[in-house]
């Protein structure tokens, strides 16, 4: 089975989500990559160096600069004549493009797979991650999104794939890029960070959130996350939200501070390798998934922990 994988990038560098998706795609068979962007040949060259990749297709045109799904999806659908499966990382870009590709091909989409069980058999989480379902497709073409936290990243070096420019341009003229407000992060990207410190509603307000969470994150070199309740209350920006409707993370270490552990939040972080929970409620659900639990007042325990690091 030959697969085509959409590369996640910013027109200058390949994102880590692509490396995890390559690992998943390789379980199906030979892997070709698609780089759709503008002035992005450097991305294609970097993608060609990824281990296990056969070929890189480069669609370099102004209509792909902002990865508008109305333009990228028809391009992918046309290329699928030569492929059995299309894969994309389960990022905002992948989640926008893949459903449109599935619709154009008139097939179902298999969303956020956790493992590849066979050529057409996969597992994915349902009921907020409380049940793992095994699904099998009978469609001639597969359209799949890959949950990056479920697969290890393949090596970004060691490959020697050829870069093949594409002459096909699929400007649908259905949408126009107006603008983007991109947060400048001083810490590691949340979805790829090895350590995450997350705060919940118990932190009272945005100022307290910053005073308690940020120093600990700085000491650990960690990214910062937040529960949905904390984000909705204005303690932290939307980019910090971890959970079923936020970002799914699986770092080496996840420190949950003042987070009760609602199902919605657990769905986004329970695959973390080591979970440390700090909460004064001994019955908080977060302790059911935590490897280390500390029942204590976070306003005392966290500054003490930070001071000792």
Protein backbone atom coordinates (compact mmCIF):
# COMPACT_ATOMS: atom_id res chain seq x y z
CA UNK A 1 0.00 0.00 0.00
CA UNK A 2 1.48 3.32 -1.10
CA UNK A 3 0.81 6.36 1.10
CA UNK A 4 0.92 10.11 0.61
CA UNK A 5 1.58 12.18 3.72
CA UNK A 6 0.92 15.90 4.06
CA UNK A 7 3.91 17.70 5.59
CA UNK A 8 3.16 20.08 8.45
CA UNK A 9 5.37 23.17 8.04
CA UNK A 10 5.50 26.97 8.19
CA UNK A 11 7.15 27.49 4.78
CA UNK A 12 10.56 27.42 6.42
CA UNK A 13 10.83 24.27 8.57
CA UNK A 14 9.22 20.86 9.01
CA UNK A 15 7.14 20.51 12.18
CA UNK A 16 7.63 17.61 14.59
CA UNK A 17 4.07 16.39 13.94
CA UNK A 18 5.24 15.26 10.51
CA UNK A 19 7.90 12.98 11.98
CA UNK A 20 5.35 11.12 14.10
CA UNK A 21 3.00 10.78 11.14
CA UNK A 22 5.81 9.30 9.01
CA UNK A 23 6.24 6.57 11.62
CA UNK A 24 2.54 5.70 11.26
CA UNK A 25 2.58 5.90 7.47
CA UNK A 26 5.60 3.61 7.22
CA UNK A 27 3.58 0.82 8.84
CA UNK A 28 1.33 0.81 5.77
CA UNK A 29 4.04 0.74 3.11
CA UNK A 30 6.18 3.11 1.01
CA UNK A 31 5.80 6.78 1.98
CA UNK A 32 5.82 9.86 -0.24
CA UNK A 33 5.54 13.35 1.23
CA UNK A 34 3.62 16.35 -0.07
CA UNK A 35 4.95 19.82 0.68
CA UNK A 36 2.37 22.44 -0.30
CA UNK A 37 3.40 26.02 0.34
CA UNK A 38 5.10 29.09 -1.13
CA UNK A 39 8.83 29.75 -1.36
CA UNK A 40 9.21 26.53 0.59
CA UNK A 41 11.85 24.55 -1.28
CA UNK A 42 13.95 24.49 1.91
CA UNK A 43 11.10 22.58 3.58
CA UNK A 44 11.08 20.04 0.74
CA UNK A 45 14.84 19.57 1.02
CA UNK A 46 14.55 19.02 4.78
CA UNK A 47 11.65 16.61 4.23
CA UNK A 48 13.74 14.66 1.74
CA UNK A 49 16.20 13.95 4.55
CA UNK A 50 13.60 12.26 6.76
CA UNK A 51 14.37 8.56 7.23
CA UNK A 52 12.10 6.16 5.38
CA UNK A 53 10.74 8.59 2.78
CA UNK A 54 10.78 7.56 -0.91
CA UNK A 55 9.90 10.82 -2.62
CA UNK A 56 8.88 14.43 -1.85
CA UNK A 57 6.29 16.16 -4.02
CA UNK A 58 6.68 19.94 -3.97
CA UNK A 59 3.70 22.18 -4.76
CA UNK A 60 5.25 25.65 -4.53
CA UNK A 61 2.73 28.35 -5.41
CA UNK A 62 1.25 31.47 -3.82
CA UNK A 63 -2.16 29.82 -3.48
CA UNK A 64 -0.66 27.31 -1.03
CA UNK A 65 1.23 29.85 1.09
CA UNK A 66 -1.25 29.77 3.97
CA UNK A 67 -2.35 26.15 3.49
CA UNK A 68 -5.96 27.07 2.77
CA UNK A 69 -7.74 23.69 2.85
CA UNK A 70 -9.99 24.67 -0.08
CA UNK A 71 -6.85 24.76 -2.23
CA UNK A 72 -4.79 21.95 -0.70
CA UNK A 73 -7.59 19.34 -0.64
CA UNK A 74 -8.22 19.32 -4.44
CA UNK A 75 -4.48 19.03 -5.00
CA UNK A 76 -4.33 15.98 -2.74
CA UNK A 77 -7.45 14.44 -4.31
CA UNK A 78 -5.90 14.69 -7.77
CA UNK A 79 -2.67 13.08 -6.57
CA UNK A 80 -4.56 10.18 -4.96
CA UNK A 81 -4.88 8.48 -8.34
CA UNK A 82 -1.39 7.11 -7.64
CA UNK A 83 -1.85 6.33 -3.93
CA UNK A 84 -3.82 3.97 -1.72
CA UNK A 85 -3.85 6.09 1.43
CA UNK A 86 -3.58 9.75 2.42
CA UNK A 87 -2.31 10.60 5.89
CA UNK A 88 -2.07 13.92 7.71
CA UNK A 89 -1.01 14.86 11.24
CA UNK A 90 -4.02 15.54 13.50
CA UNK A 91 -3.17 19.24 13.69
CA UNK A 92 -5.43 22.16 12.80
CA UNK A 93 -4.10 21.99 9.24
CA UNK A 94 -4.51 18.24 8.93
CA UNK A 95 -7.97 18.32 10.45
CA UNK A 96 -9.00 20.96 7.91
CA UNK A 97 -7.59 19.25 4.83
CA UNK A 98 -8.33 15.56 5.47
CA UNK A 99 -12.17 15.77 5.68
CA UNK A 100 -12.28 17.68 2.41
CA UNK A 101 -10.07 15.09 0.74
CA UNK A 102 -12.34 12.33 2.04
CA UNK A 103 -15.38 14.13 0.66
CA UNK A 104 -13.78 14.60 -2.75
CA UNK A 105 -12.85 10.92 -2.87
CA UNK A 106 -16.25 9.88 -1.46
CA UNK A 107 -14.73 7.79 1.34
CA UNK A 108 -14.91 7.89 5.11
CA UNK A 109 -12.15 9.45 7.19
CA UNK A 110 -10.48 7.57 10.04
CA UNK A 111 -9.61 10.21 12.61
CA UNK A 112 -6.69 10.41 15.05
CA UNK A 113 -5.43 6.84 14.88
CA UNK A 114 -3.43 5.51 17.82
CA UNK A 115 -1.96 2.43 16.15
CA UNK A 116 -1.84 0.53 12.88
CA UNK A 117 -3.17 -2.99 13.39
CA UNK A 118 -3.19 -4.09 9.75
CA UNK A 119 -3.28 -2.76 6.21
CA UNK A 120 -6.82 -1.42 6.75
CA UNK A 121 -7.24 -1.79 10.50
CA UNK A 122 -6.52 0.91 13.07
CA UNK A 123 -7.27 1.88 16.66
CA UNK A 124 -8.65 5.22 17.77
CA UNK A 125 -10.01 6.68 20.99
CA UNK A 126 -13.74 7.19 21.58
CA UNK A 127 -15.77 8.39 24.57
CA UNK A 128 -13.11 10.94 25.53
CA UNK A 129 -10.41 8.28 25.47
CA UNK A 130 -12.17 5.90 27.84
CA UNK A 131 -12.61 3.30 25.09
CA UNK A 132 -10.18 2.31 22.35
CA UNK A 133 -12.02 1.18 19.22
CA UNK A 134 -10.55 -0.96 16.44
CA UNK A 135 -11.88 0.16 13.06
CA UNK A 136 -11.45 -1.41 9.64
CA UNK A 137 -12.09 0.32 6.35
CA UNK A 138 -13.43 -1.27 3.18
CA UNK A 139 -12.93 1.87 1.07
CA UNK A 140 -10.58 1.66 -1.89
CA UNK A 141 -8.77 4.80 -0.70
CA UNK A 142 -7.91 5.53 2.92
CA UNK A 143 -7.95 9.01 4.46
CA UNK A 144 -6.40 9.10 7.93
CA UNK A 145 -5.31 11.63 10.52
CA UNK A 146 -2.59 10.62 12.98
CA UNK A 147 -2.44 11.54 16.66
CA UNK A 148 1.20 12.51 17.01
CA UNK A 149 1.48 11.66 20.69
CA UNK A 150 0.71 8.00 19.91
CA UNK A 151 3.70 7.43 17.62
CA UNK A 152 7.42 8.05 18.16
CA UNK A 153 9.09 10.54 15.87
CA UNK A 154 11.13 9.05 13.08
CA UNK A 155 14.62 10.43 12.47
CA UNK A 156 14.72 13.78 10.66
CA UNK A 157 18.01 12.78 9.04
CA UNK A 158 19.37 9.80 7.17
CA UNK A 159 17.00 9.89 4.21
CA UNK A 160 17.87 10.70 0.60
CA UNK A 161 14.54 11.11 -1.16
CA UNK A 162 14.21 12.92 -4.47
CA UNK A 163 12.29 16.21 -4.64
CA UNK A 164 9.78 16.31 -7.51
CA UNK A 165 8.19 19.70 -8.32
CA UNK A 166 4.51 19.64 -9.26
CA UNK A 167 3.09 21.79 -12.05
CA UNK A 168 -0.55 21.28 -11.02
CA UNK A 169 -2.08 24.29 -9.27
CA UNK A 170 -5.48 23.94 -7.61
CA UNK A 171 -6.60 27.46 -6.71
CA UNK A 172 -10.30 27.03 -5.99
CA UNK A 173 -10.88 30.76 -5.37
CA UNK A 174 -13.27 29.83 -2.56
CA UNK A 175 -11.42 31.45 0.32
CA UNK A 176 -8.97 34.27 0.96
CA UNK A 177 -6.34 34.60 3.66
CA UNK A 178 -7.08 37.71 5.72
CA UNK A 179 -4.55 37.52 8.55
CA UNK A 180 -3.17 35.52 11.44
CA UNK A 181 -2.34 36.31 15.04
CA UNK A 182 0.46 33.91 15.92
CA UNK A 183 1.52 33.67 19.54
CA UNK A 184 5.24 34.02 20.13
CA UNK A 185 6.26 31.24 22.51
CA UNK A 186 9.37 31.49 24.66
CA UNK A 187 8.94 27.89 25.80
CA UNK A 188 8.83 24.60 23.88
CA UNK A 189 5.76 23.96 21.72
CA UNK A 190 3.10 22.32 23.87
CA UNK A 191 2.41 19.29 21.68
CA UNK A 192 6.08 18.36 21.31
CA UNK A 193 7.44 19.36 24.74
CA UNK A 194 9.07 16.70 26.91
CA UNK A 195 7.86 18.39 30.09
CA UNK A 196 4.55 20.19 30.66
CA UNK A 197 3.39 22.13 33.73
CA UNK A 198 -0.36 22.72 33.64
CA UNK A 199 -2.61 24.76 35.91
CA UNK A 200 -6.31 24.56 36.67
CA UNK A 201 -9.18 26.65 37.97
CA UNK A 202 -7.90 26.44 41.55
CA UNK A 203 -5.28 29.08 40.67
CA UNK A 204 -7.94 31.81 41.13
CA UNK A 205 -6.90 34.32 38.44
CA UNK A 206 -4.45 35.04 35.62
CA UNK A 207 -1.95 36.80 37.89
CA UNK A 208 -1.86 33.91 40.35
CA UNK A 209 -1.58 31.44 37.46
CA UNK A 210 1.52 33.25 36.23
CA UNK A 211 3.03 33.56 39.71
CA UNK A 212 2.63 29.87 40.53
CA UNK A 213 3.02 28.06 37.19
CA UNK A 214 5.59 30.09 35.26
CA UNK A 215 8.52 29.87 37.74
CA UNK A 216 8.12 26.09 38.00
CA UNK A 217 7.94 25.76 34.22
CA UNK A 218 11.07 27.92 33.89
CA UNK A 219 12.99 25.72 36.36
CA UNK A 220 11.97 22.55 34.49
CA UNK A 221 12.42 24.00 31.00
CA UNK A 222 8.80 23.04 30.43
CA UNK A 223 5.93 24.14 28.26
CA UNK A 224 2.84 25.53 29.99
CA UNK A 225 -0.63 24.03 29.75
CA UNK A 226 -4.01 24.70 31.30
CA UNK A 227 -7.33 23.03 31.84
CA UNK A 228 -10.37 24.18 29.90
CA UNK A 229 -11.83 25.71 33.07
CA UNK A 230 -8.69 27.81 33.53
CA UNK A 231 -8.75 28.95 29.90
CA UNK A 232 -12.46 29.76 30.00
CA UNK A 233 -11.90 31.79 33.17
CA UNK A 234 -9.21 33.83 31.42
CA UNK A 235 -6.26 32.55 33.44
CA UNK A 236 -4.40 31.41 30.31
CA UNK A 237 -4.71 31.81 26.51
CA UNK A 238 -6.44 29.23 24.30
CA UNK A 239 -3.06 27.99 23.03
CA UNK A 240 -2.42 26.53 26.49
CA UNK A 241 -5.56 24.37 26.66
CA UNK A 242 -4.96 20.64 27.10
CA UNK A 243 -7.89 18.28 26.67
CA UNK A 244 -10.40 16.75 24.32
CA UNK A 245 -11.25 20.15 22.81
CA UNK A 246 -7.71 21.46 23.23
CA UNK A 247 -4.33 19.91 22.56
CA UNK A 248 -3.42 16.28 23.13
CA UNK A 249 0.00 15.86 24.75
CA UNK A 250 2.10 12.92 25.87
CA UNK A 251 5.28 14.36 27.41
CA UNK A 252 7.82 12.51 29.51
CA UNK A 253 6.60 14.49 32.54
CA UNK A 254 3.23 16.16 33.11
CA UNK A 255 2.74 18.22 36.26
CA UNK A 256 -0.93 18.97 36.98
CA UNK A 257 -1.36 21.82 39.46
CA UNK A 258 -4.81 22.49 40.86
CA UNK A 259 -6.50 20.40 38.17
CA UNK A 260 -9.38 18.21 39.32
CA UNK A 261 -9.06 15.79 36.41
CA UNK A 262 -12.33 16.03 34.50
CA UNK A 263 -12.74 13.48 31.68
CA UNK A 264 -12.31 16.24 29.10
CA UNK A 265 -8.87 17.11 30.47
CA UNK A 266 -7.72 13.53 31.04
CA UNK A 267 -8.39 12.75 27.38
CA UNK A 268 -5.65 15.19 26.44
CA UNK A 269 -2.86 14.12 28.81
CA UNK A 270 -3.36 10.67 30.32
CA UNK A 271 -0.85 9.09 27.90
CA UNK A 272 1.96 11.12 29.51
CA UNK A 273 4.82 8.91 30.66
CA UNK A 274 4.88 10.28 34.24
CA UNK A 275 2.06 12.31 35.77
CA UNK A 276 2.50 14.33 38.96
CA UNK A 277 -0.67 15.78 40.48
CA UNK A 278 -0.78 18.47 43.16
CA UNK A 279 -4.24 19.05 44.59
CA UNK A 280 -5.65 19.53 48.09
CA UNK A 281 -8.75 17.41 47.29
CA UNK A 282 -7.80 13.81 48.10
CA UNK A 283 -10.77 12.59 46.02
CA UNK A 284 -9.84 14.50 42.87
CA UNK A 285 -10.10 12.23 39.78
CA UNK A 286 -6.63 13.33 38.64
CA UNK A 287 -5.10 11.08 41.32
CA UNK A 288 -6.56 8.02 39.57
CA UNK A 289 -4.19 8.50 36.62
CA UNK A 290 -1.30 10.14 38.48
CA UNK A 291 1.95 8.25 39.07
CA UNK A 292 2.79 10.60 41.94
CA UNK A 293 0.13 12.46 43.89
CA UNK A 294 0.65 15.21 46.44
CA UNK A 295 -2.34 16.19 48.58
CA UNK A 296 -1.40 19.69 49.61
CA UNK A 297 -2.18 23.37 49.29
CA UNK A 298 -0.72 24.27 45.89
CA UNK A 299 -0.07 27.87 46.99
CA UNK A 300 2.48 26.51 49.46
CA UNK A 301 3.64 23.28 47.83
CA UNK A 302 4.44 24.62 44.36
CA UNK A 303 6.60 27.60 45.46
CA UNK A 304 8.42 25.25 47.86
CA UNK A 305 9.04 22.78 45.04
CA UNK A 306 10.21 25.55 42.73
CA UNK A 307 12.61 26.90 45.33
CA UNK A 308 14.19 23.48 45.84
CA UNK A 309 14.82 22.79 42.16
